[in-house]
Amino acid sequence: MTKLITIFLIFLIWLFLTSVYRQKIRKQLFGFREPLPLKTLYDDLIKDYRLEYSNFQKVFEKLGECYSIDPRLIRPDDPLKKFIDIDSWDIGLGTE
């Protein structure tokens, strides 16, 4: 029984540390940005590429949902590496 409790406590500590790490990474990568309305991003950067606003909005909202980031902080030129860094503890080194 003591082993089970120890394993459970280690798991809880690991969950806590993972959560703290992910929050820290999000803040480092996106915390300095001012949220911009998606419509403004679209009008300024994407409109000329003939992508419909509704599709642009869906992609950014899904990215925000998947990575627990406000979609208004994501920019079209953000490298994929930023998003991999957020999940690196969840999937090993983030390169699998």
N, C-alpha and C. Protein backbone atom coordinates (compact mmCIF):
# COMPACT_ATOMS: atom_id res chain seq x y z
N MET A 1 0.82 -1.20 0.00
CA MET A 1 0.00 0.00 0.00
C MET A 1 0.86 1.27 0.00
N THR A 2 1.96 1.23 0.73
CA THR A 2 2.86 2.37 0.80
C THR A 2 3.48 2.65 -0.57
N LYS A 3 3.83 1.60 -1.32
CA LYS A 3 4.38 1.79 -2.64
C LYS A 3 3.37 2.47 -3.57
N LEU A 4 2.13 2.06 -3.46
CA LEU A 4 1.09 2.64 -4.29
C LEU A 4 0.91 4.13 -3.99
N ILE A 5 0.94 4.48 -2.73
CA ILE A 5 0.80 5.89 -2.33
C ILE A 5 2.01 6.68 -2.83
N THR A 6 3.20 6.11 -2.73
CA THR A 6 4.41 6.79 -3.20
C THR A 6 4.34 7.02 -4.71
N ILE A 7 3.94 6.01 -5.45
CA ILE A 7 3.81 6.14 -6.90
C ILE A 7 2.78 7.21 -7.24
N PHE A 8 1.67 7.23 -6.53
CA PHE A 8 0.63 8.22 -6.77
C PHE A 8 1.15 9.63 -6.49
N LEU A 9 1.89 9.79 -5.40
CA LEU A 9 2.44 11.11 -5.06
C LEU A 9 3.46 11.56 -6.10
N ILE A 10 4.29 10.65 -6.57
CA ILE A 10 5.25 10.99 -7.62
C ILE A 10 4.53 11.42 -8.88
N PHE A 11 3.46 10.72 -9.22
CA PHE A 11 2.66 11.08 -10.39
C PHE A 11 2.05 12.48 -10.23
N LEU A 12 1.52 12.78 -9.07
CA LEU A 12 0.94 14.11 -8.83
C LEU A 12 2.00 15.21 -8.93
N ILE A 13 3.17 14.95 -8.40
CA ILE A 13 4.26 15.93 -8.48
C ILE A 13 4.66 16.13 -9.94
N TRP A 14 4.77 15.04 -10.69
CA TRP A 14 5.12 15.13 -12.11
C TRP A 14 4.07 15.94 -12.87
N LEU A 15 2.79 15.70 -12.59
CA LEU A 15 1.72 16.47 -13.24
C LEU A 15 1.86 17.96 -12.94
N PHE A 16 2.10 18.27 -11.69
CA PHE A 16 2.24 19.66 -11.28
C PHE A 16 3.43 20.33 -11.98
N LEU A 17 4.58 19.67 -11.97
CA LEU A 17 5.77 20.23 -12.59
C LEU A 17 5.61 20.40 -14.10
N THR A 18 4.96 19.45 -14.74
CA THR A 18 4.70 19.55 -16.17
C THR A 18 3.82 20.76 -16.47
N SER A 19 2.80 20.94 -15.67
CA SER A 19 1.89 22.08 -15.86
C SER A 19 2.63 23.42 -15.67
N VAL A 20 3.44 23.49 -14.65
CA VAL A 20 4.20 24.72 -14.39
C VAL A 20 5.17 24.99 -15.54
N TYR A 21 5.85 23.95 -16.02
CA TYR A 21 6.78 24.10 -17.12
C TYR A 21 6.07 24.61 -18.37
N ARG A 22 4.93 24.01 -18.70
CA ARG A 22 4.20 24.42 -19.91
C ARG A 22 3.73 25.87 -19.80
N GLN A 23 3.28 26.28 -18.64
CA GLN A 23 2.86 27.67 -18.44
C GLN A 23 4.05 28.61 -18.63
N LYS A 24 5.20 28.22 -18.10
CA LYS A 24 6.39 29.05 -18.23
C LYS A 24 6.79 29.20 -19.70
N ILE A 25 6.77 28.12 -20.43
CA ILE A 25 7.13 28.16 -21.85
C ILE A 25 6.15 29.03 -22.62
N ARG A 26 4.84 28.87 -22.36
CA ARG A 26 3.85 29.71 -23.04
C ARG A 26 4.11 31.18 -22.79
N LYS A 27 4.41 31.50 -21.54
CA LYS A 27 4.65 32.90 -21.19
C LYS A 27 5.90 33.43 -21.88
N GLN A 28 6.96 32.61 -21.95
CA GLN A 28 8.19 33.04 -22.62
C GLN A 28 7.95 33.26 -24.12
N LEU A 29 7.16 32.39 -24.73
CA LEU A 29 6.98 32.45 -26.17
C LEU A 29 5.94 33.46 -26.62
N PHE A 30 4.91 33.66 -25.81
CA PHE A 30 3.79 34.49 -26.26
C PHE A 30 3.42 35.62 -25.29
N GLY A 31 4.00 35.62 -24.10
CA GLY A 31 3.59 36.58 -23.07
C GLY A 31 3.89 38.03 -23.37
N PHE A 32 4.85 38.28 -24.23
CA PHE A 32 5.25 39.66 -24.53
C PHE A 32 4.35 40.30 -25.58
N ARG A 33 3.49 39.52 -26.20
CA ARG A 33 2.66 40.03 -27.30
C ARG A 33 1.36 40.63 -26.81
N GLU A 34 0.92 41.61 -27.56
CA GLU A 34 -0.41 42.17 -27.34
C GLU A 34 -1.40 41.35 -28.18
N PRO A 35 -2.51 40.96 -27.60
CA PRO A 35 -3.51 40.25 -28.40
C PRO A 35 -4.04 41.13 -29.52
N LEU A 36 -4.08 40.59 -30.72
CA LEU A 36 -4.64 41.29 -31.87
C LEU A 36 -5.90 40.56 -32.33
N PRO A 37 -6.93 41.29 -32.65
CA PRO A 37 -8.13 40.62 -33.17
C PRO A 37 -7.76 39.80 -34.42
N LEU A 38 -8.35 38.63 -34.54
CA LEU A 38 -8.05 37.78 -35.70
C LEU A 38 -8.39 38.48 -37.01
N LYS A 39 -9.43 39.26 -37.00
CA LYS A 39 -9.83 39.98 -38.21
C LYS A 39 -8.73 40.96 -38.64
N THR A 40 -8.10 41.60 -37.68
CA THR A 40 -7.00 42.52 -37.99
C THR A 40 -5.82 41.77 -38.58
N LEU A 41 -5.45 40.64 -37.97
CA LEU A 41 -4.36 39.82 -38.52
C LEU A 41 -4.68 39.40 -39.94
N TYR A 42 -5.89 38.96 -40.14
CA TYR A 42 -6.31 38.51 -41.46
C TYR A 42 -6.22 39.65 -42.48
N ASP A 43 -6.80 40.79 -42.14
CA ASP A 43 -6.80 41.93 -43.08
C ASP A 43 -5.39 42.41 -43.40
N ASP A 44 -4.51 42.42 -42.39
CA ASP A 44 -3.16 42.94 -42.58
C ASP A 44 -2.21 41.96 -43.27
N LEU A 45 -2.38 40.66 -43.02
CA LEU A 45 -1.36 39.72 -43.45
C LEU A 45 -1.83 38.61 -44.39
N ILE A 46 -3.08 38.26 -44.35
CA ILE A 46 -3.53 37.04 -45.04
C ILE A 46 -4.48 37.31 -46.20
N LYS A 47 -5.22 38.36 -46.12
CA LYS A 47 -6.28 38.64 -47.09
C LYS A 47 -5.83 38.50 -48.54
N ASP A 48 -4.63 38.95 -48.85
CA ASP A 48 -4.12 38.91 -50.23
C ASP A 48 -3.86 37.50 -50.75
N TYR A 49 -3.84 36.52 -49.85
CA TYR A 49 -3.58 35.14 -50.27
C TYR A 49 -4.85 34.38 -50.65
N ARG A 50 -5.96 35.07 -50.67
CA ARG A 50 -7.26 34.51 -51.07
C ARG A 50 -7.73 33.36 -50.19
N LEU A 51 -7.36 33.39 -48.95
CA LEU A 51 -7.86 32.45 -47.97
C LEU A 51 -9.07 33.09 -47.31
N GLU A 52 -10.16 32.35 -47.22
CA GLU A 52 -11.36 32.91 -46.61
C GLU A 52 -11.13 33.14 -45.11
N TYR A 53 -11.71 34.23 -44.62
CA TYR A 53 -11.54 34.57 -43.20
C TYR A 53 -12.04 33.44 -42.31
N SER A 54 -13.14 32.82 -42.65
CA SER A 54 -13.70 31.77 -41.79
C SER A 54 -12.71 30.61 -41.63
N ASN A 55 -11.99 30.26 -42.70
CA ASN A 55 -11.00 29.19 -42.60
C ASN A 55 -9.79 29.61 -41.77
N PHE A 56 -9.35 30.83 -41.98
CA PHE A 56 -8.25 31.38 -41.18
C PHE A 56 -8.62 31.36 -39.70
N GLN A 57 -9.82 31.81 -39.40
CA GLN A 57 -10.29 31.87 -38.02
C GLN A 57 -10.35 30.47 -37.40
N LYS A 58 -10.86 29.50 -38.13
CA LYS A 58 -10.95 28.13 -37.62
C LYS A 58 -9.58 27.56 -37.29
N VAL A 59 -8.61 27.79 -38.17
CA VAL A 59 -7.26 27.28 -37.95
C VAL A 59 -6.65 27.91 -36.69
N PHE A 60 -6.75 29.21 -36.56
CA PHE A 60 -6.15 29.89 -35.41
C PHE A 60 -6.86 29.51 -34.11
N GLU A 61 -8.17 29.38 -34.15
CA GLU A 61 -8.89 28.97 -32.95
C GLU A 61 -8.53 27.54 -32.56
N LYS A 62 -8.36 26.66 -33.52
CA LYS A 62 -7.98 25.27 -33.23
C LYS A 62 -6.56 25.20 -32.67
N LEU A 63 -5.63 25.98 -33.24
CA LEU A 63 -4.28 26.04 -32.68
C LEU A 63 -4.30 26.52 -31.23
N GLY A 64 -5.06 27.58 -31.00
CA GLY A 64 -5.18 28.10 -29.64
C GLY A 64 -5.75 27.07 -28.69
N GLU A 65 -6.76 26.35 -29.14
CA GLU A 65 -7.38 25.32 -28.31
C GLU A 65 -6.40 24.18 -28.02
N CYS A 66 -5.71 23.72 -29.04
CA CYS A 66 -4.79 22.58 -28.89
C CYS A 66 -3.62 22.89 -27.97
N TYR A 67 -3.14 24.12 -28.02
CA TYR A 67 -1.96 24.49 -27.24
C TYR A 67 -2.29 25.39 -26.05
N SER A 68 -3.56 25.56 -25.76
CA SER A 68 -4.01 26.40 -24.63
C SER A 68 -3.40 27.80 -24.69
N ILE A 69 -3.48 28.39 -25.88
CA ILE A 69 -2.95 29.74 -26.12
C ILE A 69 -4.09 30.58 -26.68
N ASP A 70 -4.15 31.81 -26.27
CA ASP A 70 -5.12 32.73 -26.85
C ASP A 70 -4.79 32.87 -28.34
N PRO A 71 -5.71 32.53 -29.23
CA PRO A 71 -5.41 32.60 -30.67
C PRO A 71 -5.00 33.99 -31.14
N ARG A 72 -5.37 35.01 -30.40
CA ARG A 72 -5.02 36.38 -30.78
C ARG A 72 -3.54 36.67 -30.54
N LEU A 73 -2.83 35.75 -29.86
CA LEU A 73 -1.39 35.90 -29.63
C LEU A 73 -0.56 35.18 -30.68
N ILE A 74 -1.18 34.31 -31.46
CA ILE A 74 -0.49 33.55 -32.49
C ILE A 74 -0.34 34.42 -33.74
N ARG A 75 0.81 34.32 -34.38
CA ARG A 75 1.06 35.06 -35.61
C ARG A 75 1.32 34.08 -36.75
N PRO A 76 0.93 34.45 -37.95
CA PRO A 76 1.13 33.55 -39.10
C PRO A 76 2.58 33.15 -39.34
N ASP A 77 3.52 33.98 -38.92
CA ASP A 77 4.92 33.66 -39.15
C ASP A 77 5.59 32.96 -37.96
N ASP A 78 4.82 32.54 -36.96
CA ASP A 78 5.39 31.79 -35.85
C ASP A 78 5.93 30.46 -36.35
N PRO A 79 7.18 30.14 -36.01
CA PRO A 79 7.73 28.86 -36.46
C PRO A 79 7.08 27.69 -35.71
N LEU A 80 6.97 26.58 -36.37
CA LEU A 80 6.40 25.37 -35.77
C LEU A 80 7.16 24.98 -34.50
N LYS A 81 8.43 25.29 -34.45
CA LYS A 81 9.27 24.96 -33.29
C LYS A 81 8.69 25.53 -32.00
N LYS A 82 8.07 26.68 -32.06
CA LYS A 82 7.46 27.27 -30.86
C LYS A 82 6.40 26.34 -30.27
N PHE A 83 5.61 25.77 -31.13
CA PHE A 83 4.53 24.89 -30.67
C PHE A 83 5.09 23.55 -30.20
N ILE A 84 6.13 23.08 -30.84
CA ILE A 84 6.77 21.83 -30.42
C ILE A 84 7.38 22.02 -29.03
N ASP A 85 7.98 23.18 -28.77
CA ASP A 85 8.58 23.46 -27.46
C ASP A 85 7.54 23.40 -26.34
N ILE A 86 6.34 23.84 -26.61
CA ILE A 86 5.29 23.81 -25.59
C ILE A 86 4.98 22.38 -25.18
N ASP A 87 4.98 21.46 -26.14
CA ASP A 87 4.62 20.07 -25.86
C ASP A 87 5.81 19.16 -25.61
N SER A 88 7.01 19.68 -25.52
CA SER A 88 8.18 18.82 -25.48
C SER A 88 8.18 17.85 -24.30
N TRP A 89 7.61 18.20 -23.17
CA TRP A 89 7.56 17.26 -22.05
C TRP A 89 6.50 16.20 -22.27
N ASP A 90 5.50 16.50 -23.05
CA ASP A 90 4.42 15.53 -23.27
C ASP A 90 4.83 14.42 -24.21
N ILE A 91 5.74 14.70 -25.13
CA ILE A 91 6.12 13.68 -26.11
C ILE A 91 7.64 13.56 -26.20
N GLY A 92 8.24 13.39 -25.05
CA GLY A 92 9.69 13.22 -25.03
C GLY A 92 10.41 14.52 -25.34
N LEU A 93 11.16 14.52 -26.41
CA LEU A 93 11.92 15.70 -26.81
C LEU A 93 11.17 16.58 -27.79
N GLY A 94 9.97 16.21 -28.14
CA GLY A 94 9.20 17.00 -29.08
C GLY A 94 9.58 16.73 -30.52
N THR A 95 10.34 15.69 -30.74
CA THR A 95 10.77 15.39 -32.11
C THR A 95 10.21 14.08 -32.60
N GLU A 96 9.43 13.38 -31.77
CA GLU A 96 8.87 12.10 -32.21
C GLU A 96 7.80 12.31 -33.26
